[in-house]
C-alpha atoms as a PDB file:
ATOM      1  CA  UNK A   1     116.512 111.528 -86.656  1.00  0.00           C
ATOM      2  CA  UNK A   2     112.741 112.187 -86.390  1.00  0.00           C
ATOM      3  CA  UNK A   3     110.586 109.734 -84.510  1.00  0.00           C
ATOM      4  CA  UNK A   4     108.504 108.842 -87.606  1.00  0.00           C
ATOM      5  CA  UNK A   5     111.651 108.173 -89.556  1.00  0.00           C
ATOM      6  CA  UNK A   6     112.909 105.803 -86.854  1.00  0.00           C
ATOM      7  CA  UNK A   7     109.541 104.035 -86.874  1.00  0.00           C
ATOM      8  CA  UNK A   8     109.663 103.620 -90.631  1.00  0.00           C
ATOM      9  CA  UNK A   9     113.195 102.240 -90.550  1.00  0.00           C
ATOM     10  CA  UNK A  10     112.371  99.760 -87.765  1.00  0.00           C
ATOM     11  CA  UNK A  11     109.176  98.740 -89.532  1.00  0.00           C
ATOM     12  CA  UNK A  12     110.967  98.139 -92.858  1.00  0.00           C
ATOM     13  CA  UNK A  13     113.819  96.270 -91.160  1.00  0.00           C
ATOM     14  CA  UNK A  14     111.345  94.073 -89.264  1.00  0.00           C
ATOM     15  CA  UNK A  15     109.286  93.305 -92.385  1.00  0.00           C
ATOM     16  CA  UNK A  16     112.406  92.654 -94.484  1.00  0.00           C
ATOM     17  CA  UNK A  17     113.802  90.222 -91.862  1.00  0.00           C
ATOM     18  CA  UNK A  18     110.485  88.357 -91.776  1.00  0.00           C
ATOM     19  CA  UNK A  19     110.263  88.152 -95.604  1.00  0.00           C
ATOM     20  CA  UNK A  20     113.875  87.031 -95.971  1.00  0.00           C
ATOM     21  CA  UNK A  21     113.534  84.365 -93.270  1.00  0.00           C
ATOM     22  CA  UNK A  22     110.247  83.033 -94.684  1.00  0.00           C
ATOM     23  CA  UNK A  23     111.318  83.033 -98.328  1.00  0.00           C
ATOM     24  CA  UNK A  24     114.723  81.559 -97.667  1.00  0.00           C
ATOM     25  CA  UNK A  25     115.374  77.818 -97.422  1.00  0.00           C
ATOM     26  CA  UNK A  26     115.392  77.774 -93.617  1.00  0.00           C
ATOM     27  CA  UNK A  27     111.861  76.419 -93.359  1.00  0.00           C
ATOM     28  CA  UNK A  28     112.636  73.750 -95.909  1.00  0.00           C
ATOM     29  CA  UNK A  29     115.221  72.224 -93.626  1.00  0.00           C
ATOM     30  CA  UNK A  30     113.141  72.442 -90.449  1.00  0.00           C
ATOM     31  CA  UNK A  31     110.542  69.839 -91.513  1.00  0.00           C
ATOM     32  CA  UNK A  32     109.143  66.840 -89.720  1.00  0.00           C
ATOM     33  CA  UNK A  33     110.544  64.466 -92.347  1.00  0.00           C
ATOM     34  CA  UNK A  34     114.078  65.907 -92.079  1.00  0.00           C
ATOM     35  CA  UNK A  35     113.932  65.724 -88.320  1.00  0.00           C
ATOM     36  CA  UNK A  36     112.958  62.065 -88.313  1.00  0.00           C
ATOM     37  CA  UNK A  37     115.787  61.268 -90.770  1.00  0.00           C
ATOM     38  CA  UNK A  38     118.441  62.834 -88.497  1.00  0.00           C
ATOM     39  CA  UNK A  39     117.170  61.844 -85.007  1.00  0.00           C
ATOM     40  CA  UNK A  40     120.135  59.549 -84.243  1.00  0.00           C
ATOM     41  CA  UNK A  41     122.655  62.271 -85.172  1.00  0.00           C
ATOM     42  CA  UNK A  42     120.756  64.912 -83.195  1.00  0.00           C
ATOM     43  CA  UNK A  43     120.572  62.764 -80.112  1.00  0.00           C
ATOM     44  CA  UNK A  44     124.340  62.287 -80.217  1.00  0.00           C
ATOM     45  CA  UNK A  45     124.879  66.044 -80.461  1.00  0.00           C
ATOM     46  CA  UNK A  46     122.563  66.732 -77.492  1.00  0.00           C
ATOM     47  CA  UNK A  47     124.160  63.980 -75.385  1.00  0.00           C
ATOM     48  CA  UNK A  48     127.652  65.334 -76.063  1.00  0.00           C
ATOM     49  CA  UNK A  49     126.807  69.047 -75.744  1.00  0.00           C
ATOM     50  CA  UNK A  50     123.587  69.348 -73.732  1.00  0.00           C
ATOM     51  CA  UNK A  51     123.993  72.887 -72.465  1.00  0.00           C
ATOM     52  CA  UNK A  52     124.963  74.276 -75.852  1.00  0.00           C
ATOM     53  CA  UNK A  53     122.220  72.308 -77.576  1.00  0.00           C
ATOM     54  CA  UNK A  54     119.602  73.637 -75.133  1.00  0.00           C
ATOM     55  CA  UNK A  55     120.804  77.240 -75.632  1.00  0.00           C
ATOM     56  CA  UNK A  56     120.690  76.845 -79.453  1.00  0.00           C
ATOM     57  CA  UNK A  57     117.239  75.302 -79.255  1.00  0.00           C
ATOM     58  CA  UNK A  58     115.932  78.152 -77.074  1.00  0.00           C
ATOM     59  CA  UNK A  59     117.540  80.691 -79.386  1.00  0.00           C
ATOM     60  CA  UNK A  60     116.040  78.997 -82.479  1.00  0.00           C
ATOM     61  CA  UNK A  61     112.576  79.111 -80.881  1.00  0.00           C
ATOM     62  CA  UNK A  62     113.182  82.802 -79.997  1.00  0.00           C
ATOM     63  CA  UNK A  63     114.086  83.665 -83.607  1.00  0.00           C
ATOM     64  CA  UNK A  64     111.223  81.590 -85.033  1.00  0.00           C
ATOM     65  CA  UNK A  65     108.764  83.467 -82.805  1.00  0.00           C
ATOM     66  CA  UNK A  66     110.017  86.902 -83.910  1.00  0.00           C
ATOM     67  CA  UNK A  67     110.309  86.119 -87.627  1.00  0.00           C
ATOM     68  CA  UNK A  68     106.989  84.205 -87.846  1.00  0.00           C
ATOM     69  CA  UNK A  69     108.580  81.069 -89.219  1.00  0.00           C
ATOM     70  CA  UNK A  70     106.017  78.213 -89.653  1.00  0.00           C
ATOM     71  CA  UNK A  71     108.160  75.756 -87.692  1.00  0.00           C
ATOM     72  CA  UNK A  72     106.776  76.190 -84.157  1.00  0.00           C
ATOM     73  CA  UNK A  73     105.089  72.766 -84.014  1.00  0.00           C
ATOM     74  CA  UNK A  74     108.080  70.968 -85.525  1.00  0.00           C
ATOM     75  CA  UNK A  75     110.416  72.568 -83.015  1.00  0.00           C
ATOM     76  CA  UNK A  76     108.203  71.534 -80.111  1.00  0.00           C
ATOM     77  CA  UNK A  77     108.045  67.906 -81.308  1.00  0.00           C
ATOM     78  CA  UNK A  78     111.811  67.919 -81.803  1.00  0.00           C
ATOM     79  CA  UNK A  79     112.347  69.345 -78.330  1.00  0.00           C
ATOM     80  CA  UNK A  80     110.127  66.682 -76.752  1.00  0.00           C
ATOM     81  CA  UNK A  81     112.166  63.995 -78.414  1.00  0.00           C
ATOM     82  CA  UNK A  82     115.580  65.505 -77.686  1.00  0.00           C
ATOM     83  CA  UNK A  83     115.156  67.072 -74.270  1.00  0.00           C
ATOM     84  CA  UNK A  84     112.037  65.556 -72.724  1.00  0.00           C
ATOM     85  CA  UNK A  85     108.696  67.113 -71.939  1.00  0.00           C
ATOM     86  CA  UNK A  86     109.494  69.298 -68.903  1.00  0.00           C
ATOM     87  CA  UNK A  87     112.825  70.663 -70.211  1.00  0.00           C
ATOM     88  CA  UNK A  88     111.283  71.411 -73.629  1.00  0.00           C
ATOM     89  CA  UNK A  89     108.431  73.345 -72.040  1.00  0.00           C
ATOM     90  CA  UNK A  90     110.896  75.423 -70.073  1.00  0.00           C
ATOM     91  CA  UNK A  91     113.158  76.182 -73.093  1.00  0.00           C
ATOM     92  CA  UNK A  92     110.136  76.942 -75.325  1.00  0.00           C
ATOM     93  CA  UNK A  93     108.551  79.146 -72.708  1.00  0.00           C
ATOM     94  CA  UNK A  94     111.704  81.203 -72.366  1.00  0.00           C
ATOM     95  CA  UNK A  95     112.398  81.538 -76.124  1.00  0.00           C
ATOM     96  CA  UNK A  96     108.782  81.981 -77.107  1.00  0.00           C
ATOM     97  CA  UNK A  97     107.877  84.567 -74.447  1.00  0.00           C
ATOM     98  CA  UNK A  98     110.971  86.675 -75.174  1.00  0.00           C
ATOM     99  CA  UNK A  99     110.320  86.504 -78.908  1.00  0.00           C
ATOM    100  CA  UNK A 100     106.626  87.337 -78.520  1.00  0.00           C
ATOM    101  CA  UNK A 101     107.512  90.260 -76.179  1.00  0.00           C
ATOM    102  CA  UNK A 102     109.902  91.781 -78.705  1.00  0.00           C
ATOM    103  CA  UNK A 103     107.248  91.473 -81.446  1.00  0.00           C
ATOM    104  CA  UNK A 104     104.747  93.085 -79.121  1.00  0.00           C
ATOM    105  CA  UNK A 105     107.089  95.954 -78.344  1.00  0.00           C
ATOM    106  CA  UNK A 106     107.919  96.524 -82.022  1.00  0.00           C
ATOM    107  CA  UNK A 107     104.262  96.634 -82.904  1.00  0.00           C
ATOM    108  CA  UNK A 108     103.564  99.106 -80.096  1.00  0.00           C
ATOM    109  CA  UNK A 109     106.493 101.323 -81.033  1.00  0.00           C
ATOM    110  CA  UNK A 110     105.718 101.419 -84.736  1.00  0.00           C
ATOM    111  CA  UNK A 111     101.935 101.769 -84.657  1.00  0.00           C
ATOM    112  CA  UNK A 112     100.438 101.101 -81.239  1.00  0.00           C
ATOM    113  CA  UNK A 113     101.475 104.327 -79.478  1.00  0.00           C
ATOM    114  CA  UNK A 114     100.528 106.382 -82.467  1.00  0.00           C
ATOM    115  CA  UNK A 115      97.078 104.844 -82.794  1.00  0.00           C
ATOM    116  CA  UNK A 116      96.437 105.260 -79.054  1.00  0.00           C
ATOM    117  CA  UNK A 117      97.438 108.945 -79.186  1.00  0.00           C
ATOM    118  CA  UNK A 118      95.557 109.776 -82.379  1.00  0.00           C
ATOM    119  CA  UNK A 119      92.309 108.026 -81.476  1.00  0.00           C
ATOM    120  CA  UNK A 120      92.430 108.458 -77.711  1.00  0.00           C
ATOM    121  CA  UNK A 121      88.866 109.663 -77.366  1.00  0.00           C
ATOM    122  CA  UNK A 122      87.378 107.081 -79.796  1.00  0.00           C
ATOM    123  CA  UNK A 123      89.278 104.259 -78.078  1.00  0.00           C
ATOM    124  CA  UNK A 124      88.350 105.310 -74.546  1.00  0.00           C
ATOM    125  CA  UNK A 125      85.557 102.737 -74.116  1.00  0.00           C
ATOM    126  CA  UNK A 126      87.527 100.019 -75.876  1.00  0.00           C
ATOM    127  CA  UNK A 127      90.601 100.698 -73.674  1.00  0.00           C
ATOM    128  CA  UNK A 128      88.497 100.649 -70.553  1.00  0.00           C
ATOM    129  CA  UNK A 129      86.938  97.259 -71.450  1.00  0.00           C
ATOM    130  CA  UNK A 130      90.316  95.871 -72.601  1.00  0.00           C
ATOM    131  CA  UNK A 131      91.993  96.954 -69.403  1.00  0.00           C
ATOM    132  CA  UNK A 132      89.426  95.046 -67.452  1.00  0.00           C
ATOM    133  CA  UNK A 133      89.224  91.927 -69.643  1.00  0.00           C
ATOM    134  CA  UNK A 134      92.263  92.026 -71.893  1.00  0.00           C
ATOM    135  CA  UNK A 135      94.302  89.517 -69.918  1.00  0.00           C
ATOM    136  CA  UNK A 136      91.539  86.920 -70.057  1.00  0.00           C
ATOM    137  CA  UNK A 137      90.913  87.582 -73.724  1.00  0.00           C
ATOM    138  CA  UNK A 138      94.577  87.217 -74.646  1.00  0.00           C
ATOM    139  CA  UNK A 139      94.933  84.068 -72.511  1.00  0.00           C
ATOM    140  CA  UNK A 140      91.949  82.556 -74.329  1.00  0.00           C
ATOM    141  CA  UNK A 141      93.500  83.334 -77.659  1.00  0.00           C
ATOM    142  CA  UNK A 142      96.765  81.648 -76.616  1.00  0.00           C
ATOM    143  CA  UNK A 143      94.774  78.477 -75.923  1.00  0.00           C
ATOM    144  CA  UNK A 144      93.678  78.226 -79.595  1.00  0.00           C
ATOM    145  CA  UNK A 145      96.257  75.871 -81.110  1.00  0.00           C
ATOM    146  CA  UNK A 146      95.352  76.543 -84.756  1.00  0.00           C
ATOM    147  CA  UNK A 147      95.799  80.349 -84.519  1.00  0.00           C
ATOM    148  CA  UNK A 148      99.087  81.681 -85.842  1.00  0.00           C
ATOM    149  CA  UNK A 149     101.242  82.447 -82.854  1.00  0.00           C
ATOM    150  CA  UNK A 150     102.476  85.860 -84.154  1.00  0.00           C
ATOM    151  CA  UNK A 151      99.057  87.347 -84.663  1.00  0.00           C
ATOM    152  CA  UNK A 152      98.228  88.079 -81.002  1.00  0.00           C
ATOM    153  CA  UNK A 153     101.684  89.543 -80.492  1.00  0.00           C
ATOM    154  CA  UNK A 154     101.174  92.163 -83.177  1.00  0.00           C
ATOM    155  CA  UNK A 155      97.535  92.968 -82.435  1.00  0.00           C
ATOM    156  CA  UNK A 156      98.126  93.225 -78.683  1.00  0.00           C
ATOM    157  CA  UNK A 157     100.827  95.832 -79.423  1.00  0.00           C
ATOM    158  CA  UNK A 158      98.116  98.081 -80.878  1.00  0.00           C
ATOM    159  CA  UNK A 159      96.150  98.105 -77.640  1.00  0.00           C
ATOM    160  CA  UNK A 160      96.875  99.646 -74.215  1.00  0.00           C
ATOM    161  CA  UNK A 161      97.594  96.241 -72.682  1.00  0.00           C
ATOM    162  CA  UNK A 162     100.310  96.411 -70.015  1.00  0.00           C
ATOM    163  CA  UNK A 163     103.637  94.783 -70.916  1.00  0.00           C
ATOM    164  CA  UNK A 164     103.618  92.694 -67.711  1.00  0.00           C
ATOM    165  CA  UNK A 165     100.145  91.419 -68.507  1.00  0.00           C
ATOM    166  CA  UNK A 166     101.223  90.458 -72.047  1.00  0.00           C
ATOM    167  CA  UNK A 167     104.272  88.579 -70.672  1.00  0.00           C
ATOM    168  CA  UNK A 168     102.436  86.481 -68.078  1.00  0.00           C
ATOM    169  CA  UNK A 169      99.452  85.628 -70.299  1.00  0.00           C
ATOM    170  CA  UNK A 170     101.856  84.615 -73.089  1.00  0.00           C
ATOM    171  CA  UNK A 171     104.006  82.524 -70.808  1.00  0.00           C
ATOM    172  CA  UNK A 172     100.982  80.764 -69.234  1.00  0.00           C
ATOM    173  CA  UNK A 173      99.005  80.504 -72.447  1.00  0.00           C
ATOM    174  CA  UNK A 174     101.619  78.582 -74.383  1.00  0.00           C
ATOM    175  CA  UNK A 175     102.073  75.869 -71.771  1.00  0.00           C
ATOM    176  CA  UNK A 176      99.149  73.599 -72.798  1.00  0.00           C
ATOM    177  CA  UNK A 177     100.158  73.401 -76.479  1.00  0.00           C
ATOM    178  CA  UNK A 178     103.828  72.992 -75.500  1.00  0.00           C
ATOM    179  CA  UNK A 179     102.947  70.015 -73.296  1.00  0.00           C
ATOM    180  CA  UNK A 180     100.848  68.369 -76.065  1.00  0.00           C
ATOM    181  CA  UNK A 181     103.494  68.727 -78.773  1.00  0.00           C
ATOM    182  CA  UNK A 182     106.430  67.929 -76.476  1.00  0.00           C
ATOM    183  CA  UNK A 183     104.641  64.785 -75.344  1.00  0.00           C
ATOM    184  CA  UNK A 184     104.075  63.819 -78.962  1.00  0.00           C
ATOM    185  CA  UNK A 185     107.807  64.304 -79.622  1.00  0.00           C
ATOM    186  CA  UNK A 186     108.553  62.120 -76.645  1.00  0.00           C
ATOM    187  CA  UNK A 187     106.446  59.398 -78.313  1.00  0.00           C
ATOM    188  CA  UNK A 188     107.891  60.081 -81.807  1.00  0.00           C
ATOM    189  CA  UNK A 189     107.673  56.477 -82.916  1.00  0.00           C
ATOM    190  CA  UNK A 190     103.881  56.637 -82.687  1.00  0.00           C
ATOM    191  CA  UNK A 191     103.344  59.612 -85.089  1.00  0.00           C
ATOM    192  CA  UNK A 192     103.994  59.950 -88.829  1.00  0.00           C
ATOM    193  CA  UNK A 193     102.693  63.478 -89.207  1.00  0.00           C
ATOM    194  CA  UNK A 194     102.410  66.512 -86.872  1.00  0.00           C
ATOM    195  CA  UNK A 195      98.627  66.566 -87.607  1.00  0.00           C
ATOM    196  CA  UNK A 196      98.329  63.139 -86.009  1.00  0.00           C
ATOM    197  CA  UNK A 197      98.718  64.822 -82.628  1.00  0.00           C
ATOM    198  CA  UNK A 198      95.418  66.738 -82.749  1.00  0.00           C
ATOM    199  CA  UNK A 199      92.545  64.469 -81.663  1.00  0.00           C
ATOM    200  CA  UNK A 200      89.055  65.257 -80.505  1.00  0.00           C
ATOM    201  CA  UNK A 201      90.110  64.737 -76.908  1.00  0.00           C
ATOM    202  CA  UNK A 202      92.927  67.292 -77.299  1.00  0.00           C
ATOM    203  CA  UNK A 203      90.552  69.726 -78.912  1.00  0.00           C
ATOM    204  CA  UNK A 204      88.074  69.297 -76.090  1.00  0.00           C
ATOM    205  CA  UNK A 205      90.778  70.080 -73.573  1.00  0.00           C
ATOM    206  CA  UNK A 206      91.693  73.288 -75.418  1.00  0.00           C
ATOM    207  CA  UNK A 207      88.023  74.240 -75.671  1.00  0.00           C
ATOM    208  CA  UNK A 208      87.668  73.784 -71.921  1.00  0.00           C
ATOM    209  CA  UNK A 209      90.690  76.008 -71.344  1.00  0.00           C
ATOM    210  CA  UNK A 210      89.262  78.666 -73.647  1.00  0.00           C
ATOM    211  CA  UNK A 211      85.952  78.517 -71.784  1.00  0.00           C
ATOM    212  CA  UNK A 212      87.679  78.821 -68.400  1.00  0.00           C
ATOM    213  CA  UNK A 213      89.768  81.759 -69.626  1.00  0.00           C
ATOM    214  CA  UNK A 214      86.750  83.666 -70.985  1.00  0.00           C
ATOM    215  CA  UNK A 215      84.506  82.928 -67.988  1.00  0.00           C
ATOM    216  CA  UNK A 216      85.748  85.964 -66.010  1.00  0.00           C
ATOM    217  CA  UNK A 217      84.822  88.178 -69.024  1.00  0.00           C
ATOM    218  CA  UNK A 218      81.168  87.087 -68.821  1.00  0.00           C
ATOM    219  CA  UNK A 219      81.144  87.577 -65.033  1.00  0.00           C
ATOM    220  CA  UNK A 220      82.520  91.070 -65.445  1.00  0.00           C
ATOM    221  CA  UNK A 221      79.872  91.943 -67.978  1.00  0.00           C
ATOM    222  CA  UNK A 222      77.095  90.709 -65.745  1.00  0.00           C
ATOM    223  CA  UNK A 223      78.552  92.602 -62.770  1.00  0.00           C
ATOM    224  CA  UNK A 224      78.845  95.849 -64.775  1.00  0.00           C
ATOM    225  CA  UNK A 225      75.233  95.535 -65.883  1.00  0.00           C
ATOM    226  CA  UNK A 226      74.065  95.239 -62.322  1.00  0.00           C
END
């Protein structure tokens, strides 16, 4: 089987899986309202089968990350309520980082490598700058809570970003949002809607993190000019 044929098959399979998952009734069940209705039952399940429940939760987050399901925030809130803040952050980090990495690799295999080979000369300057600042740029993007999680995964796959760099920036970058939403889940009785979580104080914290993440980029530009 030719390489291009393999790429097309993988691309179509990936797209089909995403479409099926998003247009099925899965997202309709994983809502904030449904979760609040079944909290007592879910707590009993977790208490009776903690290890299994933790594995299923991690796997669910892994699948949601790959298939771009719009349930990331709900899962984080649910995790904070069911497992506590620290445990949820660990499970989410594992599932989310693995899911994001697979999306990154699929994007790179389908299009990234081909684009880099075809436009090698034209992308030389971009690749040089991205090699120097790509980690800080991706980290800053991860700190933007309103940005769809899957977007950086796919776009990063089109660049020459190293896999290891993608993994550590993703793992580190999702921690702040994980803590915020998991803490909200831990205080579930105080919120009636996931949007209640985002306040101006929270936004200021994220803006500060974005500023700190992009600061090395500005320093590098100044250094290069000199």
